[in-house]
């Protein structure tokens, strides 16, 4: 996939809680790059740039380029620690990626066709998004920004399972290799609860 995010970072040698506090007061975010059979690289990022990146959905499921002192690393975002109540990024974890090693990533699901689905338009049903995201496995070059779930033909009381998702080339869902019990519902259309309860009421005799 095309890389849309270039991140400029600075190497850091000092570690520990006190140093991290000083870094944050200076408007930067402590972070680490790990994996790929290489030593961890401790870095800092500009806080304002980082929080703007985090607000973009694609940032969480893209291969990112981190430039540290003129040396670039290909990574994916693995963990974000936020302040409990402030709009402040506390720490980021990045995982190195390589062209020949498969990744496991959680990517969002985008649901399309809800307004024309027969279960909604004719059946008066309600759409339930049971899984907002899904874990996939693929090479870095095949990593999708999201998986589209087309429910434009879904009838009332029907659902789409993981096995029914249309995946890009080179992408698999690891859960499906674990057996039928792991083929979970992703989205369904059902009657509104009020209608369900009225249909279940028995006339007084």
N, C-alpha and C. Protein backbone atom coordinates (compact mmCIF):
# COMPACT_ATOMS: atom_id res chain seq x y z
N UNK A 1 0.84 -1.17 0.00
CA UNK A 1 0.00 0.00 0.00
C UNK A 1 0.88 1.23 0.00
N UNK A 2 0.37 2.31 -0.54
CA UNK A 2 1.12 3.55 -0.57
C UNK A 2 1.24 4.12 0.84
N UNK A 3 2.43 4.60 1.14
CA UNK A 3 2.66 5.18 2.46
C UNK A 3 2.33 6.66 2.42
N UNK A 4 1.43 7.10 3.26
CA UNK A 4 1.01 8.49 3.28
C UNK A 4 1.54 9.24 4.50
N UNK A 5 2.29 8.57 5.36
CA UNK A 5 2.72 9.20 6.60
C UNK A 5 4.24 9.16 6.74
N UNK A 6 4.84 10.33 6.83
CA UNK A 6 6.27 10.47 7.07
C UNK A 6 6.42 11.15 8.43
N UNK A 7 7.11 10.51 9.35
CA UNK A 7 7.25 11.02 10.71
C UNK A 7 8.71 11.36 10.96
N UNK A 8 8.96 12.57 11.46
CA UNK A 8 10.31 12.97 11.82
C UNK A 8 10.50 12.79 13.33
N UNK A 9 11.52 12.05 13.70
CA UNK A 9 11.76 11.74 15.12
C UNK A 9 13.19 12.12 15.50
N UNK A 10 13.39 12.22 16.81
CA UNK A 10 14.73 12.46 17.35
C UNK A 10 15.10 11.28 18.25
N UNK A 11 16.34 10.84 18.16
CA UNK A 11 16.81 9.76 19.03
C UNK A 11 16.92 10.29 20.45
N UNK A 12 16.69 9.41 21.42
CA UNK A 12 16.86 9.79 22.83
C UNK A 12 17.71 8.72 23.52
N UNK A 13 18.61 9.17 24.36
CA UNK A 13 19.47 8.22 25.07
C UNK A 13 19.06 8.09 26.53
N UNK A 14 18.54 9.17 27.10
CA UNK A 14 18.08 9.11 28.49
C UNK A 14 16.74 8.42 28.57
N UNK A 15 16.56 7.59 29.59
CA UNK A 15 15.30 6.88 29.79
C UNK A 15 14.81 7.16 31.20
N UNK A 16 13.65 6.61 31.52
CA UNK A 16 13.13 6.76 32.86
C UNK A 16 11.99 7.75 32.94
N UNK A 17 11.26 7.70 34.05
CA UNK A 17 10.07 8.51 34.25
C UNK A 17 10.39 10.00 34.26
N UNK A 18 11.44 10.39 34.95
CA UNK A 18 11.78 11.82 35.05
C UNK A 18 12.10 12.39 33.68
N UNK A 19 12.86 11.65 32.87
CA UNK A 19 13.19 12.12 31.54
C UNK A 19 11.94 12.23 30.68
N UNK A 20 11.05 11.23 30.78
CA UNK A 20 9.82 11.25 29.99
C UNK A 20 8.97 12.47 30.34
N UNK A 21 8.93 12.82 31.63
CA UNK A 21 8.17 14.01 32.04
C UNK A 21 8.75 15.27 31.42
N UNK A 22 10.08 15.37 31.39
CA UNK A 22 10.73 16.54 30.79
C UNK A 22 10.44 16.61 29.30
N UNK A 23 10.44 15.46 28.65
CA UNK A 23 10.15 15.39 27.22
C UNK A 23 8.75 15.90 26.94
N UNK A 24 7.80 15.45 27.75
CA UNK A 24 6.41 15.86 27.52
C UNK A 24 6.21 17.35 27.78
N UNK A 25 6.87 17.87 28.81
CA UNK A 25 6.77 19.31 29.10
C UNK A 25 7.34 20.13 27.95
N UNK A 26 8.26 19.57 27.22
CA UNK A 26 8.88 20.26 26.07
C UNK A 26 8.05 20.09 24.80
N UNK A 27 6.88 19.49 24.92
CA UNK A 27 6.00 19.35 23.76
C UNK A 27 6.34 18.18 22.86
N UNK A 28 6.98 17.16 23.43
CA UNK A 28 7.32 15.99 22.63
C UNK A 28 6.77 14.73 23.28
N UNK A 29 6.77 13.64 22.50
CA UNK A 29 6.20 12.37 22.96
C UNK A 29 7.29 11.30 22.94
N UNK A 30 7.55 10.63 24.06
CA UNK A 30 8.48 9.50 24.03
C UNK A 30 7.87 8.31 23.29
N UNK A 31 8.71 7.60 22.54
CA UNK A 31 8.24 6.45 21.77
C UNK A 31 9.37 5.46 21.62
N UNK A 32 9.03 4.26 21.16
CA UNK A 32 10.03 3.23 20.94
C UNK A 32 9.73 2.50 19.64
N UNK A 33 10.79 2.15 18.91
CA UNK A 33 10.69 1.28 17.74
C UNK A 33 11.35 -0.03 18.11
N UNK A 34 10.64 -1.15 17.90
CA UNK A 34 11.19 -2.44 18.29
C UNK A 34 10.93 -3.49 17.22
N UNK A 35 11.52 -4.67 17.41
CA UNK A 35 11.28 -5.79 16.50
C UNK A 35 12.24 -5.83 15.33
N UNK A 36 11.99 -6.76 14.43
CA UNK A 36 12.80 -6.91 13.24
C UNK A 36 14.20 -7.43 13.50
N UNK A 37 14.40 -8.06 14.67
CA UNK A 37 15.72 -8.59 14.99
C UNK A 37 16.77 -7.54 15.27
N UNK A 38 16.32 -6.31 15.56
CA UNK A 38 17.24 -5.21 15.83
C UNK A 38 17.01 -4.68 17.25
N UNK A 39 17.97 -3.97 17.81
CA UNK A 39 17.78 -3.38 19.14
C UNK A 39 16.66 -2.35 19.12
N UNK A 40 16.04 -2.14 20.26
CA UNK A 40 15.02 -1.09 20.39
C UNK A 40 15.65 0.27 20.11
N UNK A 41 14.88 1.13 19.46
CA UNK A 41 15.32 2.51 19.22
C UNK A 41 14.37 3.44 19.98
N UNK A 42 14.90 4.12 20.97
CA UNK A 42 14.10 5.06 21.76
C UNK A 42 14.15 6.42 21.09
N UNK A 43 12.96 7.00 20.87
CA UNK A 43 12.86 8.24 20.10
C UNK A 43 11.86 9.18 20.77
N UNK A 44 11.82 10.42 20.28
CA UNK A 44 10.77 11.35 20.67
C UNK A 44 10.17 11.95 19.40
N UNK A 45 8.88 12.33 19.49
CA UNK A 45 8.14 12.89 18.36
C UNK A 45 7.51 14.21 18.79
N UNK A 46 7.23 15.06 17.82
CA UNK A 46 6.51 16.29 18.11
C UNK A 46 5.08 15.95 18.53
N UNK A 47 4.63 16.49 19.66
CA UNK A 47 3.32 16.12 20.19
C UNK A 47 2.18 16.57 19.29
N UNK A 48 2.22 17.82 18.81
CA UNK A 48 1.12 18.32 18.00
C UNK A 48 0.98 17.54 16.70
N UNK A 49 2.11 17.26 16.04
CA UNK A 49 2.06 16.45 14.82
C UNK A 49 1.50 15.07 15.12
N UNK A 50 1.93 14.48 16.23
CA UNK A 50 1.51 13.13 16.58
C UNK A 50 0.01 13.05 16.82
N UNK A 51 -0.53 14.00 17.55
CA UNK A 51 -1.96 13.92 17.87
C UNK A 51 -2.81 14.14 16.62
N UNK A 52 -2.31 14.97 15.69
CA UNK A 52 -3.04 15.14 14.43
C UNK A 52 -3.00 13.86 13.61
N UNK A 53 -1.87 13.18 13.61
CA UNK A 53 -1.78 11.88 12.92
C UNK A 53 -2.76 10.88 13.52
N UNK A 54 -2.80 10.82 14.85
CA UNK A 54 -3.65 9.83 15.53
C UNK A 54 -5.13 10.05 15.25
N UNK A 55 -5.51 11.26 14.92
CA UNK A 55 -6.91 11.54 14.61
C UNK A 55 -7.33 11.00 13.26
N UNK A 56 -6.36 10.60 12.44
CA UNK A 56 -6.65 10.03 11.12
C UNK A 56 -6.72 8.51 11.24
N UNK A 57 -7.82 7.94 10.84
CA UNK A 57 -8.01 6.50 10.94
C UNK A 57 -6.90 5.73 10.23
N UNK A 58 -6.46 6.23 9.08
CA UNK A 58 -5.47 5.52 8.28
C UNK A 58 -4.13 5.37 9.00
N UNK A 59 -3.82 6.28 9.90
CA UNK A 59 -2.54 6.24 10.61
C UNK A 59 -2.40 4.95 11.41
N UNK A 60 -3.51 4.41 11.86
CA UNK A 60 -3.50 3.21 12.72
C UNK A 60 -3.35 1.92 11.91
N UNK A 61 -3.51 1.98 10.60
CA UNK A 61 -3.43 0.76 9.80
C UNK A 61 -2.56 0.95 8.55
N UNK A 62 -1.64 1.88 8.60
CA UNK A 62 -0.72 2.11 7.50
C UNK A 62 0.69 1.66 7.87
N UNK A 63 1.48 1.36 6.85
CA UNK A 63 2.92 1.26 7.04
C UNK A 63 3.45 2.68 7.06
N UNK A 64 4.15 3.04 8.13
CA UNK A 64 4.62 4.40 8.34
C UNK A 64 6.13 4.47 8.13
N UNK A 65 6.61 5.63 7.74
CA UNK A 65 8.04 5.86 7.63
C UNK A 65 8.47 6.80 8.73
N UNK A 66 9.37 6.34 9.59
CA UNK A 66 9.92 7.18 10.67
C UNK A 66 11.35 7.53 10.31
N UNK A 67 11.64 8.83 10.24
CA UNK A 67 12.98 9.32 9.94
C UNK A 67 13.67 9.73 11.24
N UNK A 68 14.74 9.03 11.60
CA UNK A 68 15.48 9.33 12.82
C UNK A 68 16.90 9.75 12.43
N UNK A 69 17.15 11.06 12.45
CA UNK A 69 18.48 11.55 12.11
C UNK A 69 18.92 11.18 10.71
N UNK A 70 18.00 11.20 9.76
CA UNK A 70 18.33 10.89 8.38
C UNK A 70 18.24 9.41 8.03
N UNK A 71 17.95 8.57 9.00
CA UNK A 71 17.80 7.13 8.76
C UNK A 71 16.33 6.76 8.86
N UNK A 72 15.79 6.13 7.82
CA UNK A 72 14.36 5.81 7.76
C UNK A 72 14.09 4.38 8.19
N UNK A 73 12.98 4.21 8.89
CA UNK A 73 12.53 2.88 9.30
C UNK A 73 11.07 2.72 8.88
N UNK A 74 10.74 1.54 8.38
CA UNK A 74 9.34 1.21 8.05
C UNK A 74 8.71 0.54 9.26
N UNK A 75 7.61 1.09 9.74
CA UNK A 75 6.99 0.61 10.97
C UNK A 75 5.47 0.63 10.86
N UNK A 76 4.84 -0.03 11.81
CA UNK A 76 3.39 0.11 12.01
C UNK A 76 3.17 0.47 13.48
N UNK A 77 2.08 1.17 13.73
CA UNK A 77 1.74 1.57 15.09
C UNK A 77 1.19 0.37 15.84
N UNK A 78 1.76 0.09 17.02
CA UNK A 78 1.33 -1.07 17.79
C UNK A 78 0.57 -0.69 19.06
N UNK A 79 0.92 0.44 19.68
CA UNK A 79 0.25 0.80 20.92
C UNK A 79 0.31 2.30 21.14
N UNK A 80 -0.78 2.83 21.69
CA UNK A 80 -0.86 4.25 22.02
C UNK A 80 -1.29 4.38 23.47
N UNK A 81 -0.55 5.14 24.24
CA UNK A 81 -0.94 5.42 25.62
C UNK A 81 -1.32 6.90 25.71
N UNK A 82 -2.57 7.15 26.13
CA UNK A 82 -3.08 8.51 26.27
C UNK A 82 -3.20 8.86 27.74
N UNK A 83 -3.16 10.16 28.04
CA UNK A 83 -3.40 10.63 29.39
C UNK A 83 -4.83 10.30 29.78
N UNK A 84 -5.10 9.94 31.05
CA UNK A 84 -6.45 9.53 31.45
C UNK A 84 -7.55 10.56 31.16
N UNK A 85 -7.21 11.85 31.24
CA UNK A 85 -8.28 12.84 30.99
C UNK A 85 -7.83 14.02 30.15
N UNK A 86 -6.54 14.20 29.93
CA UNK A 86 -6.08 15.28 29.07
C UNK A 86 -5.96 14.81 27.63
N UNK A 87 -5.99 15.76 26.72
CA UNK A 87 -5.76 15.43 25.30
C UNK A 87 -4.25 15.41 25.06
N UNK A 88 -3.63 14.40 25.65
CA UNK A 88 -2.17 14.31 25.61
C UNK A 88 -1.74 12.88 25.33
N UNK A 89 -0.85 12.73 24.37
CA UNK A 89 -0.27 11.42 24.05
C UNK A 89 0.90 11.19 25.01
N UNK A 90 0.88 10.05 25.69
CA UNK A 90 1.91 9.75 26.68
C UNK A 90 3.07 8.93 26.10
N UNK A 91 2.75 7.98 25.22
CA UNK A 91 3.80 7.09 24.68
C UNK A 91 3.26 6.34 23.47
N UNK A 92 4.15 6.05 22.53
CA UNK A 92 3.79 5.25 21.35
C UNK A 92 4.76 4.09 21.20
N UNK A 93 4.25 2.96 20.72
CA UNK A 93 5.08 1.81 20.37
C UNK A 93 4.95 1.57 18.87
N UNK A 94 6.08 1.44 18.18
CA UNK A 94 6.09 1.13 16.76
C UNK A 94 6.82 -0.20 16.55
N UNK A 95 6.29 -1.01 15.63
CA UNK A 95 6.90 -2.29 15.28
C UNK A 95 7.52 -2.20 13.89
N UNK A 96 8.79 -2.60 13.78
CA UNK A 96 9.44 -2.62 12.46
C UNK A 96 8.76 -3.66 11.56
N UNK A 97 8.71 -3.35 10.27
CA UNK A 97 8.15 -4.30 9.31
C UNK A 97 9.20 -4.59 8.25
N UNK A 98 9.06 -5.76 7.63
CA UNK A 98 9.95 -6.13 6.52
C UNK A 98 9.11 -6.64 5.37
N UNK A 99 9.66 -6.57 4.18
CA UNK A 99 8.90 -6.89 2.97
C UNK A 99 8.47 -8.35 2.92
N UNK A 100 9.25 -9.26 3.56
CA UNK A 100 8.97 -10.69 3.43
C UNK A 100 8.35 -11.30 4.68
N UNK A 101 7.97 -10.49 5.64
CA UNK A 101 7.40 -11.03 6.88
C UNK A 101 5.96 -10.57 7.05
N UNK A 102 5.06 -11.52 7.27
CA UNK A 102 3.65 -11.16 7.39
C UNK A 102 3.36 -10.45 8.72
N UNK A 103 2.43 -9.53 8.64
CA UNK A 103 1.99 -8.76 9.81
C UNK A 103 0.61 -9.23 10.24
N UNK A 104 0.36 -9.10 11.52
CA UNK A 104 -1.02 -9.21 12.02
C UNK A 104 -1.43 -7.83 12.50
N UNK A 105 -2.47 -7.30 11.90
CA UNK A 105 -2.92 -5.94 12.21
C UNK A 105 -4.44 -5.94 12.38
N UNK A 106 -4.91 -5.02 13.20
CA UNK A 106 -6.35 -4.79 13.33
C UNK A 106 -6.70 -3.60 12.46
N UNK A 107 -7.62 -3.81 11.52
CA UNK A 107 -8.03 -2.72 10.61
C UNK A 107 -9.53 -2.49 10.76
N UNK A 108 -9.99 -1.26 10.50
CA UNK A 108 -11.41 -0.96 10.65
C UNK A 108 -12.25 -1.56 9.54
N UNK A 109 -13.52 -1.77 9.84
CA UNK A 109 -14.51 -2.19 8.85
C UNK A 109 -15.35 -0.98 8.46
N UNK A 110 -15.54 -0.79 7.16
CA UNK A 110 -16.40 0.28 6.65
C UNK A 110 -17.65 -0.35 6.04
N UNK A 111 -18.79 -0.02 6.60
CA UNK A 111 -20.04 -0.62 6.15
C UNK A 111 -20.69 0.27 5.09
N UNK A 112 -21.02 -0.33 3.95
CA UNK A 112 -21.62 0.44 2.86
C UNK A 112 -22.94 -0.23 2.43
N UNK A 113 -23.84 0.58 1.89
CA UNK A 113 -25.11 0.07 1.37
C UNK A 113 -26.21 -0.04 2.40
N UNK A 114 -26.02 0.55 3.59
CA UNK A 114 -27.04 0.43 4.64
C UNK A 114 -28.36 1.06 4.23
N UNK A 115 -28.29 2.18 3.51
CA UNK A 115 -29.51 2.91 3.17
C UNK A 115 -30.36 2.22 2.12
N UNK A 116 -29.76 1.28 1.36
CA UNK A 116 -30.52 0.58 0.31
C UNK A 116 -30.74 -0.89 0.62
N UNK A 117 -30.24 -1.36 1.76
CA UNK A 117 -30.43 -2.78 2.11
C UNK A 117 -31.92 -3.09 2.23
N UNK A 118 -32.39 -4.17 1.59
CA UNK A 118 -33.82 -4.52 1.66
C UNK A 118 -34.32 -4.68 3.10
N UNK A 119 -33.48 -5.21 3.96
CA UNK A 119 -33.89 -5.40 5.35
C UNK A 119 -34.19 -4.09 6.06
N UNK A 120 -33.58 -3.02 5.59
CA UNK A 120 -33.83 -1.69 6.16
C UNK A 120 -34.92 -0.97 5.38
N UNK A 121 -34.75 -0.93 4.05
CA UNK A 121 -35.64 -0.12 3.21
C UNK A 121 -37.05 -0.70 3.14
N UNK A 122 -37.14 -2.02 2.96
CA UNK A 122 -38.47 -2.64 2.89
C UNK A 122 -38.89 -3.25 4.23
N UNK A 123 -37.94 -3.79 4.95
CA UNK A 123 -38.27 -4.50 6.17
C UNK A 123 -38.33 -3.65 7.42
N UNK A 124 -37.85 -2.40 7.32
CA UNK A 124 -37.87 -1.52 8.50
C UNK A 124 -36.92 -1.96 9.59
N UNK A 125 -35.90 -2.73 9.21
CA UNK A 125 -34.97 -3.26 10.21
C UNK A 125 -33.92 -2.26 10.65
N UNK A 126 -33.18 -2.65 11.67
CA UNK A 126 -32.11 -1.84 12.24
C UNK A 126 -30.79 -2.57 12.02
N UNK A 127 -29.77 -1.82 11.60
CA UNK A 127 -28.45 -2.40 11.37
C UNK A 127 -27.67 -2.44 12.68
N UNK A 128 -27.10 -3.58 13.00
CA UNK A 128 -26.23 -3.72 14.18
C UNK A 128 -24.80 -4.01 13.72
N UNK A 129 -23.88 -3.09 14.03
CA UNK A 129 -22.47 -3.31 13.72
C UNK A 129 -21.86 -4.10 14.87
N UNK A 130 -21.67 -5.38 14.68
CA UNK A 130 -21.23 -6.26 15.75
C UNK A 130 -19.70 -6.25 15.91
N UNK A 131 -19.00 -5.92 14.83
CA UNK A 131 -17.53 -5.86 14.86
C UNK A 131 -17.10 -4.60 14.12
N UNK A 132 -16.59 -3.60 14.80
CA UNK A 132 -16.13 -2.39 14.11
C UNK A 132 -14.78 -2.56 13.43
N UNK A 133 -14.05 -3.62 13.79
CA UNK A 133 -12.71 -3.85 13.23
C UNK A 133 -12.44 -5.34 13.21
N UNK A 134 -11.39 -5.72 12.47
CA UNK A 134 -11.07 -7.14 12.33
C UNK A 134 -9.55 -7.31 12.27
N UNK A 135 -9.06 -8.42 12.84
CA UNK A 135 -7.64 -8.72 12.76
C UNK A 135 -7.36 -9.46 11.45
N UNK A 136 -6.36 -8.98 10.71
CA UNK A 136 -5.98 -9.61 9.45
C UNK A 136 -4.50 -9.96 9.48
N UNK A 137 -4.09 -10.75 8.49
CA UNK A 137 -2.68 -11.11 8.32
C UNK A 137 -2.31 -10.91 6.86
N UNK A 138 -1.17 -10.26 6.63
CA UNK A 138 -0.73 -10.02 5.25
C UNK A 138 0.70 -9.47 5.26
N UNK A 139 1.30 -9.40 4.09
CA UNK A 139 2.57 -8.71 3.94
C UNK A 139 2.34 -7.21 4.01
N UNK A 140 3.39 -6.47 4.34
CA UNK A 140 3.26 -5.02 4.49
C UNK A 140 2.72 -4.36 3.22
N UNK A 141 3.13 -4.85 2.05
CA UNK A 141 2.70 -4.24 0.79
C UNK A 141 1.21 -4.43 0.53
N UNK A 142 0.61 -5.43 1.18
CA UNK A 142 -0.81 -5.73 0.96
C UNK A 142 -1.72 -5.17 2.05
N UNK A 143 -1.15 -4.45 3.01
CA UNK A 143 -1.94 -3.98 4.15
C UNK A 143 -3.00 -2.98 3.71
N UNK A 144 -4.29 -3.32 3.91
CA UNK A 144 -5.36 -2.39 3.52
C UNK A 144 -5.63 -1.37 4.61
N UNK A 145 -6.09 -0.20 4.20
CA UNK A 145 -6.45 0.84 5.16
C UNK A 145 -7.70 0.44 5.93
N UNK A 146 -8.61 -0.26 5.25
CA UNK A 146 -9.84 -0.75 5.87
C UNK A 146 -10.39 -1.89 5.01
N UNK A 147 -11.38 -2.60 5.55
CA UNK A 147 -12.10 -3.62 4.80
C UNK A 147 -13.53 -3.13 4.59
N UNK A 148 -13.98 -3.09 3.35
CA UNK A 148 -15.35 -2.66 3.05
C UNK A 148 -16.30 -3.84 3.21
N UNK A 149 -17.43 -3.59 3.85
CA UNK A 149 -18.46 -4.61 4.05
C UNK A 149 -19.73 -4.12 3.36
N UNK A 150 -20.09 -4.74 2.23
CA UNK A 150 -21.26 -4.33 1.46
C UNK A 150 -22.49 -5.08 1.97
N UNK A 151 -23.44 -4.32 2.53
CA UNK A 151 -24.66 -4.96 3.03
C UNK A 151 -25.88 -4.50 2.23
N UNK A 152 -25.65 -4.04 1.01
CA UNK A 152 -26.73 -3.49 0.20
C UNK A 152 -27.79 -4.51 -0.19
N UNK A 153 -27.47 -5.81 -0.08
CA UNK A 153 -28.44 -6.86 -0.43
C UNK A 153 -28.93 -7.62 0.79
N UNK A 154 -28.60 -7.16 1.98
CA UNK A 154 -28.93 -7.89 3.20
C UNK A 154 -30.42 -7.73 3.55
N UNK A 155 -31.08 -8.86 3.79
CA UNK A 155 -32.50 -8.88 4.16
C UNK A 155 -32.65 -8.84 5.68
N UNK A 156 -33.89 -8.67 6.13
CA UNK A 156 -34.19 -8.68 7.55
C UNK A 156 -33.81 -10.03 8.15
N UNK A 157 -33.20 -10.02 9.34
CA UNK A 157 -32.76 -11.22 10.05
C UNK A 157 -31.63 -11.96 9.34
N UNK A 158 -30.90 -11.25 8.49
CA UNK A 158 -29.70 -11.82 7.88
C UNK A 158 -28.47 -11.11 8.44
N UNK A 159 -27.33 -11.78 8.29
CA UNK A 159 -26.08 -11.20 8.79
C UNK A 159 -24.92 -11.56 7.87
N UNK A 160 -23.83 -10.85 8.02
CA UNK A 160 -22.59 -11.14 7.32
C UNK A 160 -21.58 -11.64 8.34
N UNK A 161 -20.97 -12.79 8.06
CA UNK A 161 -19.95 -13.36 8.94
C UNK A 161 -18.55 -13.04 8.42
N UNK A 162 -17.55 -13.32 9.24
CA UNK A 162 -16.17 -13.09 8.82
C UNK A 162 -15.86 -13.78 7.49
N UNK A 163 -16.38 -15.00 7.31
CA UNK A 163 -16.12 -15.75 6.08
C UNK A 163 -16.77 -15.11 4.87
N UNK A 164 -17.72 -14.20 5.09
CA UNK A 164 -18.41 -13.54 3.99
C UNK A 164 -17.77 -12.23 3.56
N UNK A 165 -16.69 -11.83 4.22
CA UNK A 165 -16.02 -10.59 3.87
C UNK A 165 -15.22 -10.76 2.58
N UNK A 166 -15.23 -9.74 1.76
CA UNK A 166 -14.41 -9.72 0.54
C UNK A 166 -13.07 -9.09 0.89
N UNK A 167 -12.03 -9.90 0.86
CA UNK A 167 -10.70 -9.44 1.28
C UNK A 167 -9.83 -9.10 0.07
N UNK A 168 -8.97 -8.09 0.20
CA UNK A 168 -8.01 -7.80 -0.87
C UNK A 168 -7.05 -8.97 -1.07
N UNK A 169 -6.42 -9.00 -2.22
CA UNK A 169 -5.44 -10.06 -2.52
C UNK A 169 -4.34 -10.07 -1.47
N UNK A 170 -3.98 -11.27 -1.02
CA UNK A 170 -2.89 -11.43 -0.07
C UNK A 170 -3.28 -11.25 1.38
N UNK A 171 -4.56 -10.99 1.65
CA UNK A 171 -5.03 -10.73 3.01
C UNK A 171 -5.86 -11.91 3.50
N UNK A 172 -5.60 -12.37 4.72
CA UNK A 172 -6.39 -13.43 5.33
C UNK A 172 -6.84 -13.00 6.72
N UNK A 173 -7.82 -13.73 7.26
CA UNK A 173 -8.31 -13.50 8.62
C UNK A 173 -7.90 -14.70 9.46
N UNK A 174 -6.94 -14.55 10.37
CA UNK A 174 -6.43 -15.69 11.15
C UNK A 174 -7.51 -16.44 11.93
N UNK A 175 -8.52 -15.74 12.40
CA UNK A 175 -9.56 -16.38 13.21
C UNK A 175 -10.26 -17.51 12.45
N UNK A 176 -10.36 -17.38 11.13
CA UNK A 176 -11.08 -18.40 10.35
C UNK A 176 -10.34 -19.72 10.31
N UNK A 177 -9.04 -19.71 10.58
CA UNK A 177 -8.27 -20.95 10.61
C UNK A 177 -8.48 -21.73 11.90
N UNK A 178 -9.19 -21.12 12.85
CA UNK A 178 -9.41 -21.75 14.15
C UNK A 178 -10.69 -22.58 14.22
N UNK A 179 -11.45 -22.57 13.13
CA UNK A 179 -12.66 -23.40 13.12
C UNK A 179 -13.93 -22.58 12.99
N UNK A 180 -15.03 -23.30 12.76
CA UNK A 180 -16.33 -22.68 12.49
C UNK A 180 -16.79 -21.79 13.64
N UNK A 181 -16.46 -22.16 14.86
CA UNK A 181 -16.90 -21.37 16.02
C UNK A 181 -16.34 -19.96 16.02
N UNK A 182 -15.28 -19.74 15.26
CA UNK A 182 -14.65 -18.42 15.23
C UNK A 182 -15.11 -17.58 14.03
N UNK A 183 -16.04 -18.12 13.25
CA UNK A 183 -16.61 -17.38 12.12
C UNK A 183 -17.74 -16.50 12.64
N UNK A 184 -17.39 -15.41 13.29
CA UNK A 184 -18.36 -14.58 14.00
C UNK A 184 -19.13 -13.66 13.06
N UNK A 185 -20.30 -13.22 13.52
CA UNK A 185 -21.09 -12.24 12.77
C UNK A 185 -20.43 -10.88 12.87
N UNK A 186 -20.39 -10.19 11.75
CA UNK A 186 -19.81 -8.86 11.66
C UNK A 186 -20.87 -7.78 11.73
N UNK A 187 -21.99 -8.02 11.03
CA UNK A 187 -23.07 -7.05 10.97
C UNK A 187 -24.38 -7.80 10.70
N UNK A 188 -25.48 -7.29 11.23
CA UNK A 188 -26.78 -7.94 11.01
C UNK A 188 -27.86 -6.89 10.89
N UNK A 189 -28.99 -7.31 10.32
CA UNK A 189 -30.18 -6.45 10.28
C UNK A 189 -31.30 -7.19 10.99
N UNK A 190 -31.89 -6.54 11.96
CA UNK A 190 -32.95 -7.17 12.73
C UNK A 190 -34.10 -6.18 12.95
N UNK A 191 -35.23 -6.71 13.35
CA UNK A 191 -36.39 -5.86 13.62
C UNK A 191 -36.11 -4.99 14.84
N UNK A 192 -36.67 -3.77 14.87
CA UNK A 192 -36.50 -2.93 16.06
C UNK A 192 -37.03 -3.64 17.29
N UNK A 193 -36.45 -3.39 18.44
CA UNK A 193 -36.82 -4.10 19.66
C UNK A 193 -38.28 -3.92 20.02
N UNK A 194 -38.81 -2.73 19.81
CA UNK A 194 -40.21 -2.49 20.13
C UNK A 194 -41.11 -3.40 19.31
N UNK A 195 -40.77 -3.51 18.00
CA UNK A 195 -41.56 -4.37 17.14
C UNK A 195 -41.44 -5.82 17.55
N UNK A 196 -40.24 -6.22 17.98
CA UNK A 196 -40.04 -7.60 18.41
C UNK A 196 -40.87 -7.92 19.64
N UNK A 197 -40.89 -6.97 20.60
CA UNK A 197 -41.63 -7.22 21.83
C UNK A 197 -43.12 -7.26 21.58
N UNK A 198 -43.61 -6.40 20.67
CA UNK A 198 -45.04 -6.41 20.36
C UNK A 198 -45.43 -7.71 19.68
N UNK A 199 -44.54 -8.22 18.80
CA UNK A 199 -44.85 -9.47 18.10
C UNK A 199 -44.88 -10.64 19.07
N UNK A 200 -44.13 -10.52 20.16
CA UNK A 200 -44.09 -11.61 21.13
C UNK A 200 -45.18 -11.55 22.18
N UNK A 201 -45.94 -10.45 22.23
CA UNK A 201 -46.98 -10.33 23.24
C UNK A 201 -48.15 -11.26 22.92
N UNK A 202 -48.66 -11.88 23.91
CA UNK A 202 -49.83 -12.76 23.75
C UNK A 202 -51.08 -11.99 24.11
N UNK A 203 -52.18 -12.13 23.31
CA UNK A 203 -53.43 -11.44 23.64
C UNK A 203 -54.01 -11.96 24.96
N UNK A 204 -54.55 -11.05 25.73
CA UNK A 204 -55.17 -11.44 27.00
C UNK A 204 -56.40 -12.27 26.74
N UNK A 205 -56.55 -13.38 27.45
CA UNK A 205 -57.69 -14.25 27.23
C UNK A 205 -58.62 -14.25 28.42
